[in-house]
Amino acid sequence: MPSAPQSRSRTRERNNVLNRPEFMSLNQPLRGNQESKGSSRKPSGQCTAPSESTKERRQSQQLPEEDCIQLNPSLKGIAFSSLLAIDICMSKRLGVCASSASSWGSARSMVKLIGVTGHGVPWIAGTLICLIRSRSLAGQEVLLNLLLALLLDILTVAAVQKLVKRKGPFEVTPGLMDYLMMDIYAFPAGHASRATMVSRFFLSHLVLAVPLRILLVLWAFCVGLSRIMLGRHHITDVLGGFLIGYVVFGLVDMLWMPSNTCQMLVSIW
């Protein structure tokens, strides 16, 4: 006769849920643990070929960074991309004189003429001619500082354009005068920068009537607009040119050469 404790243990095993066939796998140890234990028992001299093959597969499945999509871009990136798209779209719509076949192609020559008034070559040549013919000390002082401002503006625009290397909204080949002034890329607009600097220079150092002051401001605005209509620059390129021209004038105003220095430079020259 079985004892009472043995009968009780048998009844417990019968009533245990884990002893049922559908739950038998829960009582068995995991295969991963057995494999890990077996791998740990392997001698150090054996190579782990399966792990290396899995690493190679993972590396082959990884996509390059340029092909990956940013699923969670930042708010600043979204705003910048949206503004850039708006800038490109609006600039292409305003490029009505980009070619002779454009909607305002008949006015292309007149718009080009307005843009030439902001070019660096006529301004530097005119300043040098006036400096040679000038006999007054005040005139030489103003003209020498204007020449310094023009050279500083050209170098600043060329440096920023070389750094940014942004192309215009349309495929327009630069001309010979553009290569001379190193005005090849789009940002910032050199004509707009020069027109802003010159108009600000004249407004500060020349005594002009109110109508002439208004015409100077309108001229600078029309020069920037002409560059957009010709398809050479975006809207932001022209705005950047306006800002750089204002900053260049501020630097020249701070580094203003007095009349003694101008007389010395003129005598050396």
C-alpha atoms as a PDB file:
ATOM      1  CA  MET A   1       0.000   0.000   0.000  1.00  0.00           C
ATOM      2  CA  PRO A   2       1.424   3.431  -0.926  1.00  0.00           C
ATOM      3  CA  SER A   3       1.869   5.806   1.858  1.00  0.00           C
ATOM      4  CA  ALA A   4      -0.208   8.947   2.244  1.00  0.00           C
ATOM      5  CA  PRO A   5       2.578  11.426   1.261  1.00  0.00           C
ATOM      6  CA  GLN A   6       3.264   9.508  -1.986  1.00  0.00           C
ATOM      7  CA  SER A   7      -0.396   9.550  -2.954  1.00  0.00           C
ATOM      8  CA  ARG A   8      -0.609  13.246  -2.273  1.00  0.00           C
ATOM      9  CA  SER A   9       2.433  14.006  -4.471  1.00  0.00           C
ATOM     10  CA  ARG A  10       0.934  11.943  -7.300  1.00  0.00           C
ATOM     11  CA  THR A  11      -2.334  13.831  -7.117  1.00  0.00           C
ATOM     12  CA  ARG A  12      -0.427  17.121  -7.172  1.00  0.00           C
ATOM     13  CA  GLU A  13       1.468  16.070 -10.290  1.00  0.00           C
ATOM     14  CA  ARG A  14      -1.791  15.055 -11.957  1.00  0.00           C
ATOM     15  CA  ASN A  15      -3.465  18.355 -11.078  1.00  0.00           C
ATOM     16  CA  ASN A  16      -0.435  20.434 -12.176  1.00  0.00           C
ATOM     17  CA  VAL A  17      -1.315  22.403 -15.321  1.00  0.00           C
ATOM     18  CA  LEU A  18       2.235  22.405 -16.638  1.00  0.00           C
ATOM     19  CA  ASN A  19       2.200  18.600 -16.904  1.00  0.00           C
ATOM     20  CA  ARG A  20      -0.405  18.733 -19.656  1.00  0.00           C
ATOM     21  CA  PRO A  21       0.834  18.007 -23.220  1.00  0.00           C
ATOM     22  CA  GLU A  22       0.098  21.511 -24.527  1.00  0.00           C
ATOM     23  CA  PHE A  23       2.236  23.047 -21.778  1.00  0.00           C
ATOM     24  CA  MET A  24       5.121  20.607 -21.864  1.00  0.00           C
ATOM     25  CA  SER A  25       7.316  22.997 -23.868  1.00  0.00           C
ATOM     26  CA  LEU A  26       7.305  25.440 -20.982  1.00  0.00           C
ATOM     27  CA  ASN A  27       9.116  22.958 -18.772  1.00  0.00           C
ATOM     28  CA  GLN A  28      11.839  22.335 -21.348  1.00  0.00           C
ATOM     29  CA  PRO A  29      14.962  24.571 -21.373  1.00  0.00           C
ATOM     30  CA  LEU A  30      15.408  27.095 -24.189  1.00  0.00           C
ATOM     31  CA  ARG A  31      17.491  26.119 -27.195  1.00  0.00           C
ATOM     32  CA  GLY A  32      19.262  29.475 -27.211  1.00  0.00           C
ATOM     33  CA  ASN A  33      20.559  28.878 -23.730  1.00  0.00           C
ATOM     34  CA  GLN A  34      21.801  25.426 -24.705  1.00  0.00           C
ATOM     35  CA  GLU A  35      23.494  26.815 -27.792  1.00  0.00           C
ATOM     36  CA  SER A  36      25.088  29.604 -25.821  1.00  0.00           C
ATOM     37  CA  LYS A  37      26.316  27.098 -23.271  1.00  0.00           C
ATOM     38  CA  GLY A  38      27.600  24.858 -26.031  1.00  0.00           C
ATOM     39  CA  SER A  39      29.351  27.723 -27.766  1.00  0.00           C
ATOM     40  CA  SER A  40      30.966  28.748 -24.512  1.00  0.00           C
ATOM     41  CA  ARG A  41      32.284  25.209 -24.134  1.00  0.00           C
ATOM     42  CA  LYS A  42      33.884  25.300 -27.593  1.00  0.00           C
ATOM     43  CA  PRO A  43      37.651  25.662 -27.648  1.00  0.00           C
ATOM     44  CA  SER A  44      39.116  29.071 -28.397  1.00  0.00           C
ATOM     45  CA  GLY A  45      40.890  27.832 -31.523  1.00  0.00           C
ATOM     46  CA  GLN A  46      37.661  27.288 -33.478  1.00  0.00           C
ATOM     47  CA  CYS A  47      36.456  30.215 -35.644  1.00  0.00           C
ATOM     48  CA  THR A  48      32.886  31.483 -35.498  1.00  0.00           C
ATOM     49  CA  ALA A  49      31.946  31.404 -39.154  1.00  0.00           C
ATOM     50  CA  PRO A  50      28.152  31.809 -38.699  1.00  0.00           C
ATOM     51  CA  SER A  51      28.555  35.039 -36.704  1.00  0.00           C
ATOM     52  CA  GLU A  52      30.858  36.513 -39.333  1.00  0.00           C
ATOM     53  CA  SER A  53      28.439  35.613 -42.101  1.00  0.00           C
ATOM     54  CA  THR A  54      25.571  37.280 -40.257  1.00  0.00           C
ATOM     55  CA  LYS A  55      27.675  40.424 -39.809  1.00  0.00           C
ATOM     56  CA  GLU A  56      28.409  40.477 -43.536  1.00  0.00           C
ATOM     57  CA  ARG A  57      24.714  40.103 -44.315  1.00  0.00           C
ATOM     58  CA  ARG A  58      23.821  42.977 -42.019  1.00  0.00           C
ATOM     59  CA  GLN A  59      26.471  45.194 -43.587  1.00  0.00           C
ATOM     60  CA  SER A  60      25.239  44.332 -47.078  1.00  0.00           C
ATOM     61  CA  GLN A  61      21.662  45.119 -46.076  1.00  0.00           C
ATOM     62  CA  GLN A  62      22.581  48.565 -44.709  1.00  0.00           C
ATOM     63  CA  LEU A  63      21.787  51.369 -47.146  1.00  0.00           C
ATOM     64  CA  PRO A  64      24.122  54.308 -47.730  1.00  0.00           C
ATOM     65  CA  GLU A  65      23.368  57.480 -45.837  1.00  0.00           C
ATOM     66  CA  GLU A  66      22.331  59.435 -48.930  1.00  0.00           C
ATOM     67  CA  ASP A  67      19.661  56.816 -49.764  1.00  0.00           C
ATOM     68  CA  CYS A  68      18.147  56.824 -46.278  1.00  0.00           C
ATOM     69  CA  ILE A  69      14.993  58.866 -45.702  1.00  0.00           C
ATOM     70  CA  GLN A  70      14.747  61.062 -42.637  1.00  0.00           C
ATOM     71  CA  LEU A  71      11.489  59.928 -41.131  1.00  0.00           C
ATOM     72  CA  ASN A  72      11.622  62.515 -38.357  1.00  0.00           C
ATOM     73  CA  PRO A  73      13.108  65.755 -39.728  1.00  0.00           C
ATOM     74  CA  SER A  74      13.449  68.730 -37.465  1.00  0.00           C
ATOM     75  CA  LEU A  75      11.111  71.691 -37.554  1.00  0.00           C
ATOM     76  CA  LYS A  76      13.931  73.983 -38.650  1.00  0.00           C
ATOM     77  CA  GLY A  77      14.751  71.709 -41.576  1.00  0.00           C
ATOM     78  CA  ILE A  78      11.130  71.618 -42.713  1.00  0.00           C
ATOM     79  CA  ALA A  79      10.824  75.402 -42.486  1.00  0.00           C
ATOM     80  CA  PHE A  80      14.102  75.945 -44.357  1.00  0.00           C
ATOM     81  CA  SER A  81      13.148  73.516 -47.129  1.00  0.00           C
ATOM     82  CA  SER A  82       9.725  75.144 -47.491  1.00  0.00           C
ATOM     83  CA  LEU A  83      11.186  78.660 -47.721  1.00  0.00           C
ATOM     84  CA  LEU A  84      13.771  77.469 -50.221  1.00  0.00           C
ATOM     85  CA  ALA A  85      11.082  75.896 -52.397  1.00  0.00           C
ATOM     86  CA  ILE A  86       8.992  79.088 -52.273  1.00  0.00           C
ATOM     87  CA  ASP A  87      12.062  81.148 -53.173  1.00  0.00           C
ATOM     88  CA  ILE A  88      12.862  78.994 -56.210  1.00  0.00           C
ATOM     89  CA  CYS A  89       9.241  78.955 -57.404  1.00  0.00           C
ATOM     90  CA  MET A  90       8.748  82.718 -57.060  1.00  0.00           C
ATOM     91  CA  SER A  91      12.133  83.472 -58.662  1.00  0.00           C
ATOM     92  CA  LYS A  92      11.288  81.342 -61.702  1.00  0.00           C
ATOM     93  CA  ARG A  93       7.928  83.064 -62.050  1.00  0.00           C
ATOM     94  CA  LEU A  94       9.561  86.495 -61.881  1.00  0.00           C
ATOM     95  CA  GLY A  95      12.204  85.526 -64.454  1.00  0.00           C
ATOM     96  CA  VAL A  96      10.100  86.942 -67.278  1.00  0.00           C
ATOM     97  CA  CYS A  97      13.150  88.189 -69.220  1.00  0.00           C
ATOM     98  CA  ALA A  98      15.364  85.137 -68.811  1.00  0.00           C
ATOM     99  CA  SER A  99      15.428  84.588 -72.578  1.00  0.00           C
ATOM    100  CA  SER A 100      14.115  86.186 -75.731  1.00  0.00           C
ATOM    101  CA  ALA A 101      11.342  83.579 -75.807  1.00  0.00           C
ATOM    102  CA  SER A 102      10.067  84.526 -72.343  1.00  0.00           C
ATOM    103  CA  SER A 103       6.825  86.405 -71.741  1.00  0.00           C
ATOM    104  CA  TRP A 104       8.662  89.754 -71.472  1.00  0.00           C
ATOM    105  CA  GLY A 105      11.394  88.849 -73.921  1.00  0.00           C
ATOM    106  CA  SER A 106      10.929  92.085 -75.886  1.00  0.00           C
ATOM    107  CA  ALA A 107      11.945  94.118 -72.813  1.00  0.00           C
ATOM    108  CA  ARG A 108      15.054  92.047 -72.159  1.00  0.00           C
ATOM    109  CA  SER A 109      17.474  94.629 -73.592  1.00  0.00           C
ATOM    110  CA  MET A 110      16.043  97.443 -71.451  1.00  0.00           C
ATOM    111  CA  VAL A 111      16.144  95.314 -68.311  1.00  0.00           C
ATOM    112  CA  LYS A 112      19.712  94.345 -69.152  1.00  0.00           C
ATOM    113  CA  LEU A 113      20.633  98.013 -69.415  1.00  0.00           C
ATOM    114  CA  ILE A 114      19.263  98.654 -65.921  1.00  0.00           C
ATOM    115  CA  GLY A 115      21.368  95.774 -64.613  1.00  0.00           C
ATOM    116  CA  VAL A 116      24.534  97.104 -66.285  1.00  0.00           C
ATOM    117  CA  THR A 117      24.226 100.312 -64.240  1.00  0.00           C
ATOM    118  CA  GLY A 118      25.018  98.229 -61.166  1.00  0.00           C
ATOM    119  CA  HIS A 119      28.025  96.459 -62.663  1.00  0.00           C
ATOM    120  CA  GLY A 120      31.443  96.951 -61.106  1.00  0.00           C
ATOM    121  CA  VAL A 121      33.415  97.718 -64.274  1.00  0.00           C
ATOM    122  CA  PRO A 122      31.608 101.010 -65.159  1.00  0.00           C
ATOM    123  CA  TRP A 123      31.724 102.185 -61.550  1.00  0.00           C
ATOM    124  CA  ILE A 124      35.438 101.507 -61.074  1.00  0.00           C
ATOM    125  CA  ALA A 125      36.314 103.019 -64.466  1.00  0.00           C
ATOM    126  CA  GLY A 126      34.180 106.116 -63.808  1.00  0.00           C
ATOM    127  CA  THR A 127      35.635 106.574 -60.314  1.00  0.00           C
ATOM    128  CA  LEU A 128      39.200 106.377 -61.651  1.00  0.00           C
ATOM    129  CA  ILE A 129      38.478 108.898 -64.426  1.00  0.00           C
ATOM    130  CA  CYS A 130      36.892 111.333 -61.978  1.00  0.00           C
ATOM    131  CA  LEU A 131      39.789 110.848 -59.546  1.00  0.00           C
ATOM    132  CA  ILE A 132      42.338 111.697 -62.242  1.00  0.00           C
ATOM    133  CA  ARG A 133      40.470 114.833 -63.273  1.00  0.00           C
ATOM    134  CA  SER A 134      39.649 115.986 -59.765  1.00  0.00           C
ATOM    135  CA  ARG A 135      41.625 118.938 -58.380  1.00  0.00           C
ATOM    136  CA  SER A 136      39.884 119.505 -55.052  1.00  0.00           C
ATOM    137  CA  LEU A 137      40.988 117.762 -51.881  1.00  0.00           C
ATOM    138  CA  ALA A 138      37.418 117.034 -50.806  1.00  0.00           C
ATOM    139  CA  GLY A 139      36.615 115.440 -54.155  1.00  0.00           C
ATOM    140  CA  GLN A 140      39.732 113.272 -54.047  1.00  0.00           C
ATOM    141  CA  GLU A 141      38.881 112.159 -50.524  1.00  0.00           C
ATOM    142  CA  VAL A 142      35.355 111.094 -51.500  1.00  0.00           C
ATOM    143  CA  LEU A 143      36.471 109.387 -54.716  1.00  0.00           C
ATOM    144  CA  LEU A 144      39.287 107.433 -53.062  1.00  0.00           C
ATOM    145  CA  ASN A 145      36.959 106.155 -50.364  1.00  0.00           C
ATOM    146  CA  LEU A 146      34.396 105.276 -53.017  1.00  0.00           C
ATOM    147  CA  LEU A 147      37.067 103.308 -54.883  1.00  0.00           C
ATOM    148  CA  LEU A 148      37.961 101.495 -51.675  1.00  0.00           C
ATOM    149  CA  ALA A 149      34.282 100.696 -51.084  1.00  0.00           C
ATOM    150  CA  LEU A 150      33.870  99.316 -54.626  1.00  0.00           C
ATOM    151  CA  LEU A 151      36.926  97.066 -54.318  1.00  0.00           C
ATOM    152  CA  LEU A 152      35.846  95.844 -50.895  1.00  0.00           C
ATOM    153  CA  ASP A 153      32.357  95.107 -52.200  1.00  0.00           C
ATOM    154  CA  ILE A 154      33.679  93.108 -55.168  1.00  0.00           C
ATOM    155  CA  LEU A 155      36.028  91.054 -52.998  1.00  0.00           C
ATOM    156  CA  THR A 156      33.354  90.368 -50.365  1.00  0.00           C
ATOM    157  CA  VAL A 157      30.768  89.255 -52.929  1.00  0.00           C
ATOM    158  CA  ALA A 158      33.315  87.071 -54.740  1.00  0.00           C
ATOM    159  CA  ALA A 159      34.382  85.395 -51.474  1.00  0.00           C
ATOM    160  CA  VAL A 160      30.809  84.645 -50.389  1.00  0.00           C
ATOM    161  CA  GLN A 161      29.879  83.362 -53.858  1.00  0.00           C
ATOM    162  CA  LYS A 162      32.906  81.078 -53.892  1.00  0.00           C
ATOM    163  CA  LEU A 163      31.953  79.781 -50.467  1.00  0.00           C
ATOM    164  CA  VAL A 164      28.247  79.176 -51.162  1.00  0.00           C
ATOM    165  CA  LYS A 165      28.422  78.244 -54.885  1.00  0.00           C
ATOM    166  CA  ARG A 166      24.689  78.591 -55.446  1.00  0.00           C
ATOM    167  CA  LYS A 167      23.439  78.515 -59.024  1.00  0.00           C
ATOM    168  CA  GLY A 168      20.730  80.741 -60.415  1.00  0.00           C
ATOM    169  CA  PRO A 169      17.146  79.707 -61.172  1.00  0.00           C
ATOM    170  CA  PHE A 170      17.922  79.491 -64.902  1.00  0.00           C
ATOM    171  CA  GLU A 171      20.908  78.158 -66.806  1.00  0.00           C
ATOM    172  CA  VAL A 172      22.524  81.419 -67.898  1.00  0.00           C
ATOM    173  CA  THR A 173      26.189  81.520 -68.901  1.00  0.00           C
ATOM    174  CA  PRO A 174      28.125  84.418 -67.305  1.00  0.00           C
ATOM    175  CA  GLY A 175      29.541  87.072 -69.603  1.00  0.00           C
ATOM    176  CA  LEU A 176      33.055  88.464 -69.874  1.00  0.00           C
ATOM    177  CA  MET A 177      32.335  91.339 -67.505  1.00  0.00           C
ATOM    178  CA  ASP A 178      30.976  88.901 -64.947  1.00  0.00           C
ATOM    179  CA  TYR A 179      34.213  86.922 -65.061  1.00  0.00           C
ATOM    180  CA  LEU A 180      36.207  90.131 -64.642  1.00  0.00           C
ATOM    181  CA  MET A 181      34.241  91.035 -61.525  1.00  0.00           C
ATOM    182  CA  MET A 182      34.263  87.388 -60.297  1.00  0.00           C
ATOM    183  CA  ASP A 183      30.435  87.529 -60.284  1.00  0.00           C
ATOM    184  CA  ILE A 184      29.809  83.940 -61.428  1.00  0.00           C
ATOM    185  CA  TYR A 185      27.466  82.364 -58.884  1.00  0.00           C
ATOM    186  CA  ALA A 186      24.054  83.498 -57.686  1.00  0.00           C
ATOM    187  CA  PHE A 187      24.337  84.179 -53.946  1.00  0.00           C
ATOM    188  CA  PRO A 188      24.742  87.018 -53.165  1.00  0.00           C
ATOM    189  CA  ALA A 189      23.760  89.274 -56.053  1.00  0.00           C
ATOM    190  CA  GLY A 190      26.758  91.469 -56.793  1.00  0.00           C
ATOM    191  CA  HIS A 191      24.799  94.096 -58.720  1.00  0.00           C
ATOM    192  CA  ALA A 192      22.318  94.499 -55.878  1.00  0.00           C
ATOM    193  CA  SER A 193      25.130  94.748 -53.331  1.00  0.00           C
ATOM    194  CA  ARG A 194      26.951  97.371 -55.381  1.00  0.00           C
ATOM    195  CA  ALA A 195      23.834  99.441 -56.016  1.00  0.00           C
ATOM    196  CA  THR A 196      22.957  99.420 -52.321  1.00  0.00           C
ATOM    197  CA  MET A 197      26.475 100.397 -51.292  1.00  0.00           C
ATOM    198  CA  VAL A 198      26.756 103.199 -53.866  1.00  0.00           C
ATOM    199  CA  SER A 199      23.342 104.641 -53.085  1.00  0.00           C
ATOM    200  CA  ARG A 200      24.058 104.525 -49.358  1.00  0.00           C
ATOM    201  CA  PHE A 201      27.445 106.160 -49.983  1.00  0.00           C
ATOM    202  CA  PHE A 202      25.954 109.026 -51.992  1.00  0.00           C
ATOM    203  CA  LEU A 203      23.143 109.558 -49.514  1.00  0.00           C
ATOM    204  CA  SER A 204      25.625 109.909 -46.654  1.00  0.00           C
ATOM    205  CA  HIS A 205      28.451 111.919 -48.212  1.00  0.00           C
ATOM    206  CA  LEU A 206      26.786 114.048 -50.872  1.00  0.00           C
ATOM    207  CA  VAL A 207      24.304 116.865 -50.449  1.00  0.00           C
ATOM    208  CA  LEU A 208      21.362 115.866 -52.625  1.00  0.00           C
ATOM    209  CA  ALA A 209      17.821 117.073 -52.990  1.00  0.00           C
ATOM    210  CA  VAL A 210      14.938 114.919 -51.851  1.00  0.00           C
ATOM    211  CA  PRO A 211      13.890 113.815 -55.382  1.00  0.00           C
ATOM    212  CA  LEU A 212      17.448 112.634 -56.089  1.00  0.00           C
ATOM    213  CA  ARG A 213      17.508 110.704 -52.834  1.00  0.00           C
ATOM    214  CA  ILE A 214      14.269 108.946 -53.770  1.00  0.00           C
ATOM    215  CA  LEU A 215      15.642 108.187 -57.241  1.00  0.00           C
ATOM    216  CA  LEU A 216      18.780 106.651 -55.729  1.00  0.00           C
ATOM    217  CA  VAL A 217      16.746 104.300 -53.569  1.00  0.00           C
ATOM    218  CA  LEU A 218      14.493 103.370 -56.500  1.00  0.00           C
ATOM    219  CA  TRP A 219      17.542 102.794 -58.703  1.00  0.00           C
ATOM    220  CA  ALA A 220      19.044 100.321 -56.228  1.00  0.00           C
ATOM    221  CA  PHE A 221      15.716  98.480 -56.003  1.00  0.00           C
ATOM    222  CA  CYS A 222      15.339  98.358 -59.809  1.00  0.00           C
ATOM    223  CA  VAL A 223      18.856  96.979 -60.235  1.00  0.00           C
ATOM    224  CA  GLY A 224      18.067  94.110 -57.868  1.00  0.00           C
ATOM    225  CA  LEU A 225      14.715  93.473 -59.552  1.00  0.00           C
ATOM    226  CA  SER A 226      16.325  93.438 -62.993  1.00  0.00           C
ATOM    227  CA  ARG A 227      18.646  90.635 -61.933  1.00  0.00           C
ATOM    228  CA  ILE A 228      15.652  88.543 -60.864  1.00  0.00           C
ATOM    229  CA  MET A 229      13.786  89.281 -64.107  1.00  0.00           C
ATOM    230  CA  LEU A 230      16.814  88.260 -66.155  1.00  0.00           C
ATOM    231  CA  GLY A 231      16.888  84.909 -64.354  1.00  0.00           C
ATOM    232  CA  ARG A 232      20.378  85.415 -62.932  1.00  0.00           C
ATOM    233  CA  HIS A 233      19.466  85.475 -59.237  1.00  0.00           C
ATOM    234  CA  HIS A 234      16.844  84.271 -56.784  1.00  0.00           C
ATOM    235  CA  ILE A 235      14.899  86.620 -54.560  1.00  0.00           C
ATOM    236  CA  THR A 236      16.992  85.643 -51.545  1.00  0.00           C
ATOM    237  CA  ASP A 237      20.170  86.280 -53.557  1.00  0.00           C
ATOM    238  CA  VAL A 238      19.111  89.872 -54.163  1.00  0.00           C
ATOM    239  CA  LEU A 239      18.091  90.340 -50.525  1.00  0.00           C
ATOM    240  CA  GLY A 240      21.467  88.979 -49.460  1.00  0.00           C
ATOM    241  CA  GLY A 241      23.136  91.419 -51.866  1.00  0.00           C
ATOM    242  CA  PHE A 242      21.244  94.326 -50.335  1.00  0.00           C
ATOM    243  CA  LEU A 243      22.397  93.255 -46.876  1.00  0.00           C
ATOM    244  CA  ILE A 244      26.037  92.821 -47.889  1.00  0.00           C
ATOM    245  CA  GLY A 245      26.079  96.205 -49.614  1.00  0.00           C
ATOM    246  CA  TYR A 246      24.786  97.862 -46.461  1.00  0.00           C
ATOM    247  CA  VAL A 247      27.404  96.065 -44.339  1.00  0.00           C
ATOM    248  CA  VAL A 248      30.234  96.998 -46.732  1.00  0.00           C
ATOM    249  CA  PHE A 249      29.238 100.658 -46.562  1.00  0.00           C
ATOM    250  CA  GLY A 250      29.285 100.465 -42.756  1.00  0.00           C
ATOM    251  CA  LEU A 251      32.823  99.065 -42.838  1.00  0.00           C
ATOM    252  CA  VAL A 252      34.019 101.753 -45.252  1.00  0.00           C
ATOM    253  CA  ASP A 253      32.400 104.433 -43.116  1.00  0.00           C
ATOM    254  CA  MET A 254      34.262 103.096 -40.083  1.00  0.00           C
ATOM    255  CA  LEU A 255      37.579 102.904 -41.993  1.00  0.00           C
ATOM    256  CA  TRP A 256      37.117 106.253 -43.703  1.00  0.00           C
ATOM    257  CA  MET A 257      40.420 107.603 -45.022  1.00  0.00           C
ATOM    258  CA  PRO A 258      41.028 111.263 -44.082  1.00  0.00           C
ATOM    259  CA  SER A 259      42.212 113.891 -46.535  1.00  0.00           C
ATOM    260  CA  ASN A 260      45.884 113.615 -45.475  1.00  0.00           C
ATOM    261  CA  THR A 261      45.966 109.923 -46.264  1.00  0.00           C
ATOM    262  CA  CYS A 262      44.196 110.521 -49.563  1.00  0.00           C
ATOM    263  CA  GLN A 263      46.717 113.221 -50.539  1.00  0.00           C
ATOM    264  CA  MET A 264      49.594 110.876 -49.762  1.00  0.00           C
ATOM    265  CA  LEU A 265      48.067 108.087 -51.880  1.00  0.00           C
ATOM    266  CA  VAL A 266      47.382 110.461 -54.760  1.00  0.00           C
ATOM    267  CA  SER A 267      50.959 111.796 -54.668  1.00  0.00           C
ATOM    268  CA  ILE A 268      52.371 108.251 -54.700  1.00  0.00           C
ATOM    269  CA  TRP A 269      50.146 107.317 -57.595  1.00  0.00           C
END
